[in-house]
Protein backbone atom coordinates (compact mmCIF):
# COMPACT_ATOMS: atom_id res chain seq x y z
CA MET A 1 5.16 24.35 14.59
CA ASN A 2 5.53 27.91 15.65
CA GLU A 3 3.66 29.92 18.24
CA ASN A 4 1.45 31.63 15.62
CA ASP A 5 0.47 28.39 13.87
CA PRO A 6 -3.34 28.42 13.42
CA SER A 7 -3.52 24.62 13.91
CA ILE A 8 -2.45 24.90 17.55
CA ILE A 9 -5.16 24.53 20.19
CA ARG A 10 -4.68 27.34 22.67
CA ASP A 11 -7.37 26.95 25.35
CA ILE A 12 -9.42 24.37 27.23
CA PRO A 13 -12.81 25.20 25.64
CA ASP A 14 -11.36 24.82 22.13
CA PHE A 15 -9.63 21.58 23.11
CA LEU A 16 -12.74 20.07 24.68
CA ALA A 17 -14.88 21.05 21.68
CA HIS A 18 -12.38 19.22 19.44
CA ALA A 19 -12.27 16.18 21.73
CA ILE A 20 -16.06 15.87 21.95
CA ALA A 21 -16.44 16.20 18.17
CA LEU A 22 -13.65 13.67 17.60
CA GLU A 23 -15.28 11.07 19.86
CA PHE A 24 -18.86 11.54 18.64
CA GLU A 25 -17.79 11.42 14.97
CA SER A 26 -16.16 8.08 15.73
CA VAL A 27 -19.35 6.80 17.37
CA GLU A 28 -21.39 7.92 14.39
CA ARG A 29 -19.05 6.18 11.95
CA TYR A 30 -19.15 2.90 13.89
CA GLN A 31 -22.96 3.05 14.06
CA GLU A 32 -23.17 3.67 10.30
CA LEU A 33 -20.87 0.73 9.65
CA ALA A 34 -22.89 -1.51 11.99
CA ASP A 35 -26.08 -0.60 10.13
CA SER A 36 -24.39 -1.32 6.81
CA MET A 37 -23.18 -4.71 8.03
CA ASP A 38 -26.70 -5.56 9.18
CA VAL A 39 -28.06 -4.72 5.73
CA HIS A 40 -25.42 -6.98 4.17
CA ASN A 41 -26.16 -9.88 6.54
CA ASN A 42 -22.89 -9.71 8.45
CA PRO A 43 -24.32 -9.74 12.00
CA ARG A 44 -21.14 -10.68 13.90
CA VAL A 45 -19.28 -7.73 12.43
CA ALA A 46 -22.30 -5.45 12.95
CA GLU A 47 -22.33 -6.47 16.61
CA LEU A 48 -18.63 -5.64 16.97
CA PHE A 49 -19.09 -2.21 15.34
CA ARG A 50 -21.96 -1.54 17.76
CA LYS A 51 -19.76 -2.56 20.68
CA LEU A 52 -17.06 -0.13 19.50
CA ALA A 53 -19.68 2.60 19.11
CA HIS A 54 -20.90 1.95 22.66
CA TYR A 55 -17.38 2.24 24.12
CA GLY A 56 -16.80 5.38 22.07
CA GLU A 57 -20.01 6.87 23.40
CA LEU A 58 -18.95 6.16 26.98
CA HIS A 59 -15.63 7.91 26.32
CA ALA A 60 -17.37 10.86 24.67
CA HIS A 61 -19.60 11.27 27.74
CA GLU A 62 -16.53 11.22 30.00
CA ILE A 63 -15.11 14.09 27.96
CA GLU A 64 -18.43 15.94 28.12
CA HIS A 65 -18.17 15.62 31.91
CA HIS A 66 -14.85 17.55 31.73
CA ALA A 67 -16.72 20.28 29.84
CA LEU A 68 -19.51 20.80 32.38
CA GLY A 69 -19.88 24.50 33.09
CA ILE A 70 -17.53 25.52 30.27
CA ASP A 71 -18.86 27.51 27.33
CA LEU A 72 -17.55 25.56 24.33
CA PRO A 73 -17.06 27.20 20.95
CA GLU A 74 -18.97 25.97 17.92
CA ILE A 75 -16.43 24.82 15.35
CA SER A 76 -17.25 24.52 11.67
CA PRO A 77 -16.22 21.19 10.14
CA TRP A 78 -13.55 22.89 8.02
CA ASP A 79 -12.06 24.65 11.06
CA PHE A 80 -11.14 21.56 13.07
CA LYS A 81 -7.43 21.41 13.80
CA TRP A 82 -6.68 17.87 12.77
CA CYS A 83 -4.90 16.85 9.63
CA THR A 84 -7.37 14.16 8.56
CA PRO A 85 -10.45 14.80 6.40
CA GLU A 86 -12.67 13.69 9.28
CA GLY A 87 -12.01 13.28 12.97
CA PRO A 88 -8.88 11.22 13.64
CA GLU A 89 -10.86 8.36 15.17
CA SER A 90 -13.48 8.19 12.42
CA GLY A 91 -11.34 6.36 9.93
CA THR A 92 -11.87 6.38 6.22
CA LEU A 93 -14.18 4.04 4.37
CA GLU A 94 -11.25 2.78 2.35
CA GLY A 95 -10.72 -0.86 3.20
CA VAL A 96 -14.16 -1.25 4.77
CA HIS A 97 -16.08 -3.98 3.02
CA TYR A 98 -19.43 -5.58 3.70
CA MET A 99 -17.73 -8.99 3.92
CA MET A 100 -15.06 -7.94 6.41
CA ASN A 101 -14.42 -10.12 9.42
CA ARG A 102 -13.93 -9.25 13.09
CA ARG A 103 -10.12 -9.20 12.79
CA GLN A 104 -10.37 -6.59 10.04
CA VAL A 105 -12.78 -4.54 12.17
CA LEU A 106 -10.38 -4.61 15.11
CA GLU A 107 -7.45 -3.61 12.88
CA TYR A 108 -9.57 -0.74 11.52
CA ALA A 109 -10.47 0.36 15.07
CA LEU A 110 -6.83 0.05 16.17
CA CYS A 111 -5.72 2.47 13.45
CA ASN A 112 -8.47 4.88 14.50
CA GLU A 113 -7.44 4.78 18.16
CA GLN A 114 -3.79 5.29 17.23
CA ARG A 115 -4.72 8.38 15.21
CA GLY A 116 -6.77 9.67 18.15
CA ARG A 117 -3.85 9.07 20.53
CA ASP A 118 -1.50 10.85 18.13
CA PHE A 119 -3.85 13.83 17.85
CA TYR A 120 -4.04 14.22 21.64
CA ALA A 121 -0.28 13.70 22.00
CA GLY A 122 0.34 16.42 19.41
CA VAL A 123 -1.91 18.83 21.28
CA ALA A 124 -0.09 17.92 24.51
CA GLU A 125 3.23 18.69 22.85
CA PHE A 126 2.42 21.92 21.03
CA SER A 127 -0.29 23.80 22.92
CA PRO A 128 1.04 26.93 24.64
CA ASP A 129 -1.49 26.44 27.47
CA GLU A 130 -0.35 24.27 30.38
CA GLY A 131 -3.91 23.17 31.22
CA VAL A 132 -4.50 22.06 27.63
CA ARG A 133 -1.19 20.19 27.60
CA GLU A 134 -2.04 18.35 30.83
CA LEU A 135 -5.57 17.41 29.72
CA ALA A 136 -4.40 16.39 26.23
CA ALA A 137 -1.67 14.21 27.79
CA GLU A 138 -4.33 12.56 29.98
CA PHE A 139 -6.50 11.89 26.91
CA ALA A 140 -3.48 10.53 25.03
CA ARG A 141 -2.85 8.10 27.90
CA GLU A 142 -6.51 7.00 27.76
CA GLU A 143 -6.22 6.45 24.01
CA THR A 144 -3.06 4.40 24.63
CA GLU A 145 -5.15 2.23 26.95
CA HIS A 146 -7.71 1.82 24.16
CA VAL A 147 -4.93 0.88 21.72
CA ASN A 148 -3.65 -1.73 24.17
CA ILE A 149 -7.14 -3.16 24.70
CA LEU A 150 -7.63 -3.54 20.95
CA LYS A 151 -4.22 -5.18 20.59
CA SER A 152 -5.21 -7.62 23.33
CA TRP A 153 -8.51 -8.37 21.62
CA LEU A 154 -6.63 -9.02 18.38
CA LEU A 155 -4.20 -11.38 20.11
CA ASN A 156 -7.06 -13.31 21.71
CA LEU A 157 -9.30 -13.37 18.66
CA VAL A 158 -9.97 -16.81 17.28
CA GLU A 159 -10.86 -16.16 13.66
CA PRO A 160 -10.64 -18.99 11.13
CA ASP A 161 -9.11 -16.79 8.46
CA SER A 162 -8.33 -13.11 8.14
CA VAL A 163 -8.56 -13.23 4.35
CA ARG A 164 -11.78 -11.95 2.84
CA PRO A 165 -13.64 -14.77 1.05
CA ALA A 166 -14.42 -14.47 -2.63
CA ASP A 167 -17.66 -12.58 -3.20
CA LEU A 168 -19.72 -14.90 -5.38
CA ASP A 169 -22.50 -12.37 -5.73
CA PRO A 170 -20.91 -8.89 -5.70
CA PRO A 171 -23.09 -5.80 -5.78
CA ASN A 172 -23.82 -4.60 -9.28
CA ILE A 173 -22.99 -1.03 -10.13
CA PRO A 174 -24.78 0.36 -13.19
CA GLU A 175 -22.39 1.51 -15.86
């Protein structure tokens, strides 16, 4: 990256606006997935998605606390400076299935947290502003903690089988 690269975050307000959007998009995605799992009678997975949404919301509020008294810019969805179609922690819907188990949910969340950590680490590396670099490095460390927590949960998870069972009554899609 060079100094004139438009994808570089150059000031604290811009960085915090990105961080808040990143975290709340993740919360929204987890809540949507929890609702979907409820509809498809997968309550244990719905509960886990809600738990992830709750933790994400707590983290988003911590970041909002950093932004108190700062006038944040409004950023259009197409102007965010991440290289994923949605916020790095939102994850895609690819691989999400209404019959997924808790192990698959945790693996999905782990990938999301790793992308969030990588986003913050990239900002910490390339921003020309020392304050942004320091705050982004702090957020990257927090995301590393989240990654480690999810890895621990995965190691301690007692799940009979991580393979998705055969769907004997798949949804019908009109042709």
